[in-house]
PDB file of N, CA and C in Angstrom:
ATOM      1  N   MET A   1      28.703  -1.897  13.194  1.00  0.00           N
ATOM      2  CA  MET A   1      29.136  -1.907  12.047  1.00  0.00           C
ATOM      3  C   MET A   1      27.579  -1.084  10.952  1.00  0.00           C
ATOM      4  N   ARG A   2      28.685  -0.758  10.085  1.00  0.00           N
ATOM      5  CA  ARG A   2      27.567  -0.185   9.192  1.00  0.00           C
ATOM      6  C   ARG A   2      27.077  -0.379   7.945  1.00  0.00           C
ATOM      7  N   ILE A   3      26.149  -0.213   7.012  1.00  0.00           N
ATOM      8  CA  ILE A   3      26.232  -1.578   5.798  1.00  0.00           C
ATOM      9  C   ILE A   3      25.592  -0.038   4.508  1.00  0.00           C
ATOM     10  N   THR A   4      26.188  -0.324   3.814  1.00  0.00           N
ATOM     11  CA  THR A   4      26.558   1.008   2.650  1.00  0.00           C
ATOM     12  C   THR A   4      25.396   0.361   1.895  1.00  0.00           C
ATOM     13  N   LYS A   5      25.105   1.257   1.066  1.00  0.00           N
ATOM     14  CA  LYS A   5      23.884   1.224   0.086  1.00  0.00           C
ATOM     15  C   LYS A   5      23.928   0.047  -0.377  1.00  0.00           C
ATOM     16  N   SER A   6      24.824  -0.294  -1.482  1.00  0.00           N
ATOM     17  CA  SER A   6      25.077  -1.298  -2.309  1.00  0.00           C
ATOM     18  C   SER A   6      25.367  -2.779  -1.787  1.00  0.00           C
ATOM     19  N   GLN A   7      25.846  -2.433  -0.690  1.00  0.00           N
ATOM     20  CA  GLN A   7      25.942  -3.900   0.151  1.00  0.00           C
ATOM     21  C   GLN A   7      24.211  -4.275   0.423  1.00  0.00           C
ATOM     22  N   LEU A   8      23.296  -3.188   0.689  1.00  0.00           N
ATOM     23  CA  LEU A   8      22.455  -3.883   0.910  1.00  0.00           C
ATOM     24  C   LEU A   8      21.508  -3.834  -0.229  1.00  0.00           C
ATOM     25  N   GLN A   9      21.848  -3.234  -1.326  1.00  0.00           N
ATOM     26  CA  GLN A   9      21.041  -3.556  -2.485  1.00  0.00           C
ATOM     27  C   GLN A   9      21.666  -4.775  -3.013  1.00  0.00           C
ATOM     28  N   LYS A  10      22.792  -5.435  -2.776  1.00  0.00           N
ATOM     29  CA  LYS A  10      22.973  -6.962  -3.205  1.00  0.00           C
ATOM     30  C   LYS A  10      22.386  -8.033  -2.445  1.00  0.00           C
ATOM     31  N   VAL A  11      22.063  -7.816  -1.248  1.00  0.00           N
ATOM     32  CA  VAL A  11      21.544  -8.632   0.443  1.00  0.00           C
ATOM     33  C   VAL A  11      20.224  -8.791  -0.330  1.00  0.00           C
ATOM     34  N   ILE A  12      19.662  -7.663  -0.743  1.00  0.00           N
ATOM     35  CA  ILE A  12      17.923  -7.709  -1.158  1.00  0.00           C
ATOM     36  C   ILE A  12      17.734  -8.277  -2.233  1.00  0.00           C
ATOM     37  N   LYS A  13      18.351  -7.911  -3.725  1.00  0.00           N
ATOM     38  CA  LYS A  13      18.651  -8.722  -5.135  1.00  0.00           C
ATOM     39  C   LYS A  13      18.968 -10.533  -4.470  1.00  0.00           C
ATOM     40  N   GLU A  14      19.737 -10.808  -3.487  1.00  0.00           N
ATOM     41  CA  GLU A  14      20.070 -12.095  -3.282  1.00  0.00           C
ATOM     42  C   GLU A  14      18.593 -12.813  -2.649  1.00  0.00           C
ATOM     43  N   ALA A  15      18.033 -11.954  -1.916  1.00  0.00           N
ATOM     44  CA  ALA A  15      17.043 -12.782  -1.017  1.00  0.00           C
ATOM     45  C   ALA A  15      15.670 -12.480  -2.222  1.00  0.00           C
ATOM     46  N   ILE A  16      15.504 -11.659  -3.075  1.00  0.00           N
ATOM     47  CA  ILE A  16      14.345 -12.131  -3.947  1.00  0.00           C
ATOM     48  C   ILE A  16      14.606 -12.776  -4.997  1.00  0.00           C
ATOM     49  N   LYS A  17      15.743 -13.333  -5.315  1.00  0.00           N
ATOM     50  CA  LYS A  17      16.294 -14.110  -6.805  1.00  0.00           C
ATOM     51  C   LYS A  17      16.268 -15.857  -5.145  1.00  0.00           C
ATOM     52  N   GLU A  18      16.260 -15.804  -4.246  1.00  0.00           N
ATOM     53  CA  GLU A  18      16.282 -16.920  -3.789  1.00  0.00           C
ATOM     54  C   GLU A  18      14.772 -17.128  -3.816  1.00  0.00           C
ATOM     55  N   GLU A  19      13.930 -16.306  -3.093  1.00  0.00           N
ATOM     56  CA  GLU A  19      12.400 -16.051  -3.030  1.00  0.00           C
ATOM     57  C   GLU A  19      11.896 -16.885  -4.082  1.00  0.00           C
ATOM     58  N   ARG A  20      11.933 -15.980  -5.557  1.00  0.00           N
ATOM     59  CA  ARG A  20      12.054 -16.576  -6.451  1.00  0.00           C
ATOM     60  C   ARG A  20      12.079 -18.492  -6.600  1.00  0.00           C
ATOM     61  N   ALA A  21      13.605 -18.715  -6.189  1.00  0.00           N
ATOM     62  CA  ALA A  21      13.475 -20.177  -6.761  1.00  0.00           C
ATOM     63  C   ALA A  21      12.577 -21.050  -5.522  1.00  0.00           C
ATOM     64  N   TYR A  22      12.399 -20.398  -4.957  1.00  0.00           N
ATOM     65  CA  TYR A  22      11.641 -21.253  -3.862  1.00  0.00           C
ATOM     66  C   TYR A  22      10.253 -21.114  -4.374  1.00  0.00           C
ATOM     67  N   ILE A  23       9.733 -20.271  -5.327  1.00  0.00           N
ATOM     68  CA  ILE A  23       8.204 -20.228  -5.271  1.00  0.00           C
ATOM     69  C   ILE A  23       8.057 -20.827  -6.536  1.00  0.00           C
ATOM     70  N   GLU A  24       9.043 -20.969  -7.496  1.00  0.00           N
ATOM     71  CA  GLU A  24       8.901 -21.189  -8.631  1.00  0.00           C
ATOM     72  C   GLU A  24       9.060 -23.278  -8.418  1.00  0.00           C
ATOM     73  N   LYS A  25       9.690 -23.723  -7.309  1.00  0.00           N
ATOM     74  CA  LYS A  25       9.392 -25.199  -7.227  1.00  0.00           C
ATOM     75  C   LYS A  25       8.512 -25.365  -6.461  1.00  0.00           C
ATOM     76  N   LEU A  26       7.352 -24.889  -6.064  1.00  0.00           N
ATOM     77  CA  LEU A  26       6.491 -24.886  -5.650  1.00  0.00           C
ATOM     78  C   LEU A  26       5.468 -25.554  -6.598  1.00  0.00           C
ATOM     79  N   PRO A  27       4.484 -26.930  -6.130  1.00  0.00           N
ATOM     80  CA  PRO A  27       3.313 -26.845  -7.301  1.00  0.00           C
ATOM     81  C   PRO A  27       2.608 -25.995  -7.311  1.00  0.00           C
ATOM     82  N   ALA A  28       1.773 -25.733  -8.638  1.00  0.00           N
ATOM     83  CA  ALA A  28       0.811 -24.525  -8.790  1.00  0.00           C
ATOM     84  C   ALA A  28      -0.147 -24.430  -7.926  1.00  0.00           C
ATOM     85  N   ASP A  29      -0.737 -25.517  -7.851  1.00  0.00           N
ATOM     86  CA  ASP A  29      -1.583 -25.356  -6.808  1.00  0.00           C
ATOM     87  C   ASP A  29      -1.179 -24.493  -5.123  1.00  0.00           C
ATOM     88  N   ASP A  30      -0.356 -24.780  -4.774  1.00  0.00           N
ATOM     89  CA  ASP A  30       0.113 -24.056  -3.551  1.00  0.00           C
ATOM     90  C   ASP A  30       0.804 -22.473  -3.737  1.00  0.00           C
ATOM     91  N   ARG A  31       0.504 -21.639  -4.985  1.00  0.00           N
ATOM     92  CA  ARG A  31       0.636 -20.757  -5.543  1.00  0.00           C
ATOM     93  C   ARG A  31      -0.286 -19.986  -4.998  1.00  0.00           C
ATOM     94  N   ILE A  32       0.065 -18.490  -4.588  1.00  0.00           N
ATOM     95  CA  ILE A  32      -1.527 -17.119  -4.528  1.00  0.00           C
ATOM     96  C   ILE A  32      -1.321 -16.747  -5.717  1.00  0.00           C
ATOM     97  N   SER A  33      -2.263 -16.682  -6.012  1.00  0.00           N
ATOM     98  CA  SER A  33      -2.117 -15.425  -6.804  1.00  0.00           C
ATOM     99  C   SER A  33      -2.196 -14.269  -6.465  1.00  0.00           C
ATOM    100  N   GLY A  34      -2.088 -13.049  -7.364  1.00  0.00           N
ATOM    101  CA  GLY A  34      -2.178 -11.513  -6.532  1.00  0.00           C
ATOM    102  C   GLY A  34      -3.257 -11.523  -6.206  1.00  0.00           C
ATOM    103  N   LYS A  35      -3.964 -11.559  -6.931  1.00  0.00           N
ATOM    104  CA  LYS A  35      -5.493 -11.044  -6.427  1.00  0.00           C
ATOM    105  C   LYS A  35      -6.229 -11.995  -5.435  1.00  0.00           C
ATOM    106  N   ASP A  36      -5.549 -13.275  -5.143  1.00  0.00           N
ATOM    107  CA  ASP A  36      -6.001 -14.099  -3.663  1.00  0.00           C
ATOM    108  C   ASP A  36      -5.339 -13.654  -2.648  1.00  0.00           C
ATOM    109  N   MET A  37      -3.868 -12.774  -2.976  1.00  0.00           N
ATOM    110  CA  MET A  37      -3.101 -12.418  -1.997  1.00  0.00           C
ATOM    111  C   MET A  37      -3.919 -11.137  -1.285  1.00  0.00           C
ATOM    112  N   LEU A  38      -4.210 -10.181  -2.405  1.00  0.00           N
ATOM    113  CA  LEU A  38      -4.414  -8.876  -2.585  1.00  0.00           C
ATOM    114  C   LEU A  38      -6.028  -8.972  -0.678  1.00  0.00           C
ATOM    115  N   ALA A  39      -7.109 -10.534  -1.753  1.00  0.00           N
ATOM    116  CA  ALA A  39      -7.986 -11.028  -0.792  1.00  0.00           C
ATOM    117  C   ALA A  39      -7.928 -10.971   0.740  1.00  0.00           C
ATOM    118  N   MET A  40      -7.017 -11.782   0.988  1.00  0.00           N
ATOM    119  CA  MET A  40      -6.354 -12.475   2.024  1.00  0.00           C
ATOM    120  C   MET A  40      -5.979 -11.025   3.378  1.00  0.00           C
ATOM    121  N   TYR A  41      -5.306 -10.093   2.664  1.00  0.00           N
ATOM    122  CA  TYR A  41      -4.807  -8.424   3.185  1.00  0.00           C
ATOM    123  C   TYR A  41      -6.127  -7.956   3.391  1.00  0.00           C
ATOM    124  N   ASP A  42      -7.033  -7.842   1.932  1.00  0.00           N
ATOM    125  CA  ASP A  42      -7.797  -6.221   2.328  1.00  0.00           C
ATOM    126  C   ASP A  42      -8.778  -7.834   4.106  1.00  0.00           C
ATOM    127  N   ALA A  43      -9.270  -9.057   4.152  1.00  0.00           N
ATOM    128  CA  ALA A  43      -9.926  -9.504   5.064  1.00  0.00           C
ATOM    129  C   ALA A  43      -9.156  -9.086   6.378  1.00  0.00           C
ATOM    130  N   GLU A  44      -8.310  -9.617   6.676  1.00  0.00           N
ATOM    131  CA  GLU A  44      -7.151  -9.366   7.707  1.00  0.00           C
ATOM    132  C   GLU A  44      -7.120  -7.375   7.713  1.00  0.00           C
ATOM    133  N   GLN A  45      -7.434  -6.763   7.103  1.00  0.00           N
ATOM    134  CA  GLN A  45      -7.540  -5.611   7.454  1.00  0.00           C
ATOM    135  C   GLN A  45      -9.101  -5.461   7.936  1.00  0.00           C
ATOM    136  N   GLY A  46     -10.073  -5.752   7.568  1.00  0.00           N
ATOM    137  CA  GLY A  46     -11.032  -5.611   7.056  1.00  0.00           C
ATOM    138  C   GLY A  46     -11.812  -4.500   6.560  1.00  0.00           C
ATOM    139  N   LEU A  47     -10.877  -4.768   5.206  1.00  0.00           N
ATOM    140  CA  LEU A  47     -11.629  -4.123   4.415  1.00  0.00           C
ATOM    141  C   LEU A  47     -12.709  -4.770   3.656  1.00  0.00           C
ATOM    142  N   ASP A  48     -12.578  -5.726   3.643  1.00  0.00           N
ATOM    143  CA  ASP A  48     -13.835  -6.225   2.976  1.00  0.00           C
ATOM    144  C   ASP A  48     -14.924  -6.439   3.658  1.00  0.00           C
ATOM    145  N   GLU A  49     -15.433  -5.626   4.714  1.00  0.00           N
ATOM    146  CA  GLU A  49     -16.178  -5.318   5.557  1.00  0.00           C
ATOM    147  C   GLU A  49     -16.704  -4.170   5.041  1.00  0.00           C
ATOM    148  N   MET A  50     -15.613  -3.223   4.469  1.00  0.00           N
ATOM    149  CA  MET A  50     -15.885  -1.752   5.187  1.00  0.00           C
ATOM    150  C   MET A  50     -16.737  -1.224   3.339  1.00  0.00           C
ATOM    151  N   SER A  51     -17.664  -0.584   3.925  1.00  0.00           N
ATOM    152  CA  SER A  51     -18.316   0.152   2.669  1.00  0.00           C
ATOM    153  C   SER A  51     -17.687   1.053   1.759  1.00  0.00           C
ATOM    154  N   ALA A  52     -17.939   1.444   0.774  1.00  0.00           N
ATOM    155  CA  ALA A  52     -17.532   2.535   0.044  1.00  0.00           C
ATOM    156  C   ALA A  52     -17.433   3.667   0.886  1.00  0.00           C
ATOM    157  N   GLU A  53     -18.781   3.816   1.107  1.00  0.00           N
ATOM    158  CA  GLU A  53     -19.273   5.620   2.134  1.00  0.00           C
ATOM    159  C   GLU A  53     -17.913   5.052   3.246  1.00  0.00           C
ATOM    160  N   GLU A  54     -17.873   4.476   3.847  1.00  0.00           N
ATOM    161  CA  GLU A  54     -17.030   4.192   5.181  1.00  0.00           C
ATOM    162  C   GLU A  54     -15.289   4.473   4.571  1.00  0.00           C
ATOM    163  N   ALA A  55     -15.085   3.443   3.970  1.00  0.00           N
ATOM    164  CA  ALA A  55     -13.400   4.055   3.165  1.00  0.00           C
ATOM    165  C   ALA A  55     -13.440   5.369   2.567  1.00  0.00           C
ATOM    166  N   MET A  56     -14.386   5.916   1.970  1.00  0.00           N
ATOM    167  CA  MET A  56     -14.419   7.475   1.528  1.00  0.00           C
ATOM    168  C   MET A  56     -14.318   8.439   3.193  1.00  0.00           C
ATOM    169  N   GLU A  57     -14.721   7.927   4.023  1.00  0.00           N
ATOM    170  CA  GLU A  57     -15.069   8.671   5.155  1.00  0.00           C
ATOM    171  C   GLU A  57     -13.275   8.418   6.064  1.00  0.00           C
ATOM    172  N   GLU A  58     -13.034   7.199   5.913  1.00  0.00           N
ATOM    173  CA  GLU A  58     -12.138   6.627   6.178  1.00  0.00           C
ATOM    174  C   GLU A  58     -10.483   7.826   5.658  1.00  0.00           C
ATOM    175  N   LEU A  59     -10.618   8.252   4.223  1.00  0.00           N
ATOM    176  CA  LEU A  59      -9.727   8.774   3.367  1.00  0.00           C
ATOM    177  C   LEU A  59      -9.310   9.834   3.920  1.00  0.00           C
ATOM    178  N   ASP A  60     -10.473  10.121   3.660  1.00  0.00           N
ATOM    179  CA  ASP A  60     -10.694  11.332   4.392  1.00  0.00           C
ATOM    180  C   ASP A  60     -10.302  12.290   5.502  1.00  0.00           C
ATOM    181  N   ASN A  61     -10.302  11.791   5.969  1.00  0.00           N
ATOM    182  CA  ASN A  61      -9.578  12.148   7.962  1.00  0.00           C
ATOM    183  C   ASN A  61      -8.460  12.111   7.732  1.00  0.00           C
ATOM    184  N   ILE A  62      -8.241  10.880   6.628  1.00  0.00           N
ATOM    185  CA  ILE A  62      -6.320  10.700   6.718  1.00  0.00           C
ATOM    186  C   ILE A  62      -5.905  11.749   6.429  1.00  0.00           C
ATOM    187  N   LEU A  63      -6.262  12.142   4.946  1.00  0.00           N
ATOM    188  CA  LEU A  63      -5.772  13.170   3.894  1.00  0.00           C
ATOM    189  C   LEU A  63      -6.206  14.719   4.865  1.00  0.00           C
ATOM    190  N   ARG A  64      -7.061  14.478   5.553  1.00  0.00           N
ATOM    191  CA  ARG A  64      -7.154  15.897   6.447  1.00  0.00           C
ATOM    192  C   ARG A  64      -5.787  16.440   7.775  1.00  0.00           C
ATOM    193  N   ASP A  65      -5.367  14.778   8.183  1.00  0.00           N
ATOM    194  CA  ASP A  65      -4.866  14.529   9.212  1.00  0.00           C
ATOM    195  C   ASP A  65      -3.057  15.388   8.456  1.00  0.00           C
ATOM    196  N   ILE A  66      -2.935  14.457   7.376  1.00  0.00           N
ATOM    197  CA  ILE A  66      -1.907  14.713   6.572  1.00  0.00           C
ATOM    198  C   ILE A  66      -1.905  16.630   5.887  1.00  0.00           C
ATOM    199  N   ARG A  67      -2.973  16.808   6.243  1.00  0.00           N
ATOM    200  CA  ARG A  67      -2.626  18.436   5.299  1.00  0.00           C
ATOM    201  C   ARG A  67      -2.397  19.278   6.786  1.00  0.00           C
ATOM    202  N   LYS A  68      -3.129  19.022   7.809  1.00  0.00           N
ATOM    203  CA  LYS A  68      -2.748  19.649   9.557  1.00  0.00           C
ATOM    204  C   LYS A  68      -1.561  19.114   9.652  1.00  0.00           C
ATOM    205  N   THR A  69      -1.061  17.964  10.075  1.00  0.00           N
ATOM    206  CA  THR A  69       0.483  17.740   9.993  1.00  0.00           C
ATOM    207  C   THR A  69       1.615  17.543   8.911  1.00  0.00           C
ATOM    208  N   SER A  70       1.002  18.186   7.888  1.00  0.00           N
ATOM    209  CA  SER A  70       2.633  18.533   7.140  1.00  0.00           C
ATOM    210  C   SER A  70       3.338  19.717   8.020  1.00  0.00           C
ATOM    211  N   THR A  71       4.645  19.167   7.179  1.00  0.00           N
ATOM    212  CA  THR A  71       5.831  19.927   7.756  1.00  0.00           C
ATOM    213  C   THR A  71       6.151  20.871   6.545  1.00  0.00           C
ATOM    214  N   ASP A  72       5.522  20.606   5.174  1.00  0.00           N
ATOM    215  CA  ASP A  72       6.398  21.113   4.108  1.00  0.00           C
ATOM    216  C   ASP A  72       4.934  21.407   3.091  1.00  0.00           C
ATOM    217  N   SER A  73       5.196  22.658   2.450  1.00  0.00           N
ATOM    218  CA  SER A  73       3.593  23.442   1.506  1.00  0.00           C
ATOM    219  C   SER A  73       3.477  21.760   0.332  1.00  0.00           C
ATOM    220  N   ARG A  74       4.507  21.207  -0.087  1.00  0.00           N
ATOM    221  CA  ARG A  74       3.971  20.428  -0.818  1.00  0.00           C
ATOM    222  C   ARG A  74       2.929  19.496  -0.731  1.00  0.00           C
ATOM    223  N   SER A  75       2.814  18.812   0.639  1.00  0.00           N
ATOM    224  CA  SER A  75       2.659  17.480   1.360  1.00  0.00           C
ATOM    225  C   SER A  75       1.138  18.411   1.463  1.00  0.00           C
ATOM    226  N   ALA A  76       1.525  19.159   2.072  1.00  0.00           N
ATOM    227  CA  ALA A  76      -0.383  20.207   2.382  1.00  0.00           C
ATOM    228  C   ALA A  76      -1.187  20.209   1.024  1.00  0.00           C
ATOM    229  N   LYS A  77      -0.344  21.083   0.120  1.00  0.00           N
ATOM    230  CA  LYS A  77      -1.232  20.721  -1.270  1.00  0.00           C
ATOM    231  C   LYS A  77      -1.260  19.471  -2.096  1.00  0.00           C
ATOM    232  N   GLN A  78      -0.858  18.331  -1.861  1.00  0.00           N
ATOM    233  CA  GLN A  78      -0.912  17.298  -2.210  1.00  0.00           C
ATOM    234  C   GLN A  78      -1.740  16.389  -2.031  1.00  0.00           C
ATOM    235  N   ALA A  79      -2.394  17.137  -0.094  1.00  0.00           N
ATOM    236  CA  ALA A  79      -3.343  16.285   0.573  1.00  0.00           C
ATOM    237  C   ALA A  79      -4.921  17.349   0.322  1.00  0.00           C
ATOM    238  N   TYR A  80      -4.430  18.130  -0.423  1.00  0.00           N
ATOM    239  CA  TYR A  80      -5.890  19.399  -0.577  1.00  0.00           C
ATOM    240  C   TYR A  80      -6.248  18.760  -1.857  1.00  0.00           C
ATOM    241  N   ARG A  81      -4.931  18.480  -2.798  1.00  0.00           N
ATOM    242  CA  ARG A  81      -5.765  17.819  -4.047  1.00  0.00           C
ATOM    243  C   ARG A  81      -6.297  16.741  -3.873  1.00  0.00           C
ATOM    244  N   ALA A  82      -5.999  15.872  -3.021  1.00  0.00           N
ATOM    245  CA  ALA A  82      -6.380  14.692  -2.733  1.00  0.00           C
ATOM    246  C   ALA A  82      -7.696  14.472  -2.580  1.00  0.00           C
ATOM    247  N   GLU A  83      -8.222  15.856  -1.445  1.00  0.00           N
ATOM    248  CA  GLU A  83      -9.445  15.790  -0.839  1.00  0.00           C
ATOM    249  C   GLU A  83     -10.357  16.390  -2.078  1.00  0.00           C
ATOM    250  N   ASP A  84      -9.774  16.841  -3.389  1.00  0.00           N
ATOM    251  CA  ASP A  84     -10.578  17.280  -3.709  1.00  0.00           C
ATOM    252  C   ASP A  84     -11.141  16.484  -4.966  1.00  0.00           C
ATOM    253  N   MET A  85     -10.267  15.753  -5.451  1.00  0.00           N
ATOM    254  CA  MET A  85     -10.656  14.120  -5.923  1.00  0.00           C
ATOM    255  C   MET A  85     -11.486  13.009  -5.556  1.00  0.00           C
ATOM    256  N   LEU A  86     -11.244  13.586  -4.101  1.00  0.00           N
ATOM    257  CA  LEU A  86     -12.304  12.211  -3.254  1.00  0.00           C
ATOM    258  C   LEU A  86     -13.508  12.911  -3.266  1.00  0.00           C
ATOM    259  N   ARG A  87     -14.019  14.249  -3.588  1.00  0.00           N
ATOM    260  CA  ARG A  87     -15.660  14.932  -3.826  1.00  0.00           C
ATOM    261  C   ARG A  87     -15.671  14.953  -4.979  1.00  0.00           C
ATOM    262  N   VAL A  88     -14.692  14.733  -6.043  1.00  0.00           N
ATOM    263  CA  VAL A  88     -15.189  14.275  -7.364  1.00  0.00           C
ATOM    264  C   VAL A  88     -15.392  13.086  -7.305  1.00  0.00           C
ATOM    265  N   ILE A  89     -14.930  12.081  -6.865  1.00  0.00           N
ATOM    266  CA  ILE A  89     -15.389  10.271  -7.054  1.00  0.00           C
ATOM    267  C   ILE A  89     -16.072  10.229  -6.167  1.00  0.00           C
ATOM    268  N   THR A  90     -16.825  10.923  -4.650  1.00  0.00           N
ATOM    269  CA  THR A  90     -17.448  11.031  -4.011  1.00  0.00           C
ATOM    270  C   THR A  90     -19.078  11.976  -4.712  1.00  0.00           C
ATOM    271  N   ARG A  91     -19.200  12.555  -5.525  1.00  0.00           N
ATOM    272  CA  ARG A  91     -20.240  13.175  -6.557  1.00  0.00           C
ATOM    273  C   ARG A  91     -20.802  12.294  -7.788  1.00  0.00           C
ATOM    274  N   GLY A  92     -19.523  11.588  -8.140  1.00  0.00           N
ATOM    275  CA  GLY A  92     -20.101  10.545  -8.993  1.00  0.00           C
ATOM    276  C   GLY A  92     -19.751  10.919 -10.156  1.00  0.00           C
TER     277      GLY A  92
END
C-alpha cells in the first residue's frame, strides 16, 4: 500500500495535535523545558562531559569525512567552508 504526501502530512498534523493536547493536560511540574530536554540529550550522548577541544576535533573529523565522501561539489564546498569557520572559531 502506498501513501501519498498529503496523507502523510495529514497523519503527522493529527499526531502533533494529539501530542499538544496531551502536553497541555499535564501538570506544569511534569513538563520538561526545552533547556532541560537538551541537557538530557547531551547527557545521553556524552556531550556534557566533552571538552570544547574534543568537540572541535570531532567536528573537524566529521567535516573531513563529508568532504572526502561527498558525491557533489556543493557538499564538498560546504564542508571546506565549514572547516574554515571551525579554524576561525578555534583561533578566537
